[in-house]
């Protein structure tokens, strides 16, 4: 099916909105892109049985691009812990591949339920606005390896960049907030790359996918959303200093809960 101007505009708008929320709240990626792709992909003839797989894969592919600028920005500001990144990255990268493989074994309904439940949990967590109680234990690979594997797998399975899991994990282990955010942003790049590789390979020979795809990744959406997100993320960061962020965060939390419930109900 050929692309039309209407779809391209929708994809660009999606990228612009995603960039604003990413800059404003530090939250974006799959929590915005996946629900939008569930709505947009049927317009270009994506088969229902592969809808969630394509939404997750496209989200992860987009994060490959947006995480580069984020990771570089944090690194230049000195907010990345290189030792922690080295501890977390191997497990996270392997977990990202594992998550893509698990997604391949699941049908669209199961994946929709998983994403819907995760969206609801994230909404509740944002609404409560509570940080985990720090334990202050020194981090070793014996702990970060399994933790990274789990966080990478879950992130890949729901199409997110991992910050919503890695940041609380590092805060729990008494890392500074700025270091936790910067390190999570850096870990998001290998996570997104490995998850995308997994989704591309696992969807390589799948029949009946729409034109302009690479495995499960829908390329026009990946490009348009990445361009829009990179363009508006700085504006979102500027808004973070102008708007009542807590109120915006709670509105977004309600939106996540409603989206999660709607996705689950739709796929019952």
Foldseek 3Di string as FASTA:
>chain_A
DDDDPVLLVVLLVLLQVQLLCCQQPVDHQLLRQLLVQLVRQVVQPFDQFCSNLLSLLQSLLLLLLVLVVLLVVLVVVVLADPVVLVLQQVLLLLLLLVLLVVLLVDTPLVLLLLLLVVLLVVLVCLQVVDAAAADQDDDDSVPNNPLSSVQLNSCSSSNHLSLVPQQSVVVNNVDDNSNSSNNSSVSSNSSSVSNNVNQLVSQCPPPDGGPCARRSYNPSSSVSSSVSNVVNNVVSNVVNVVDPSSVVSNVVSVVSNVSSVVSNVVSD
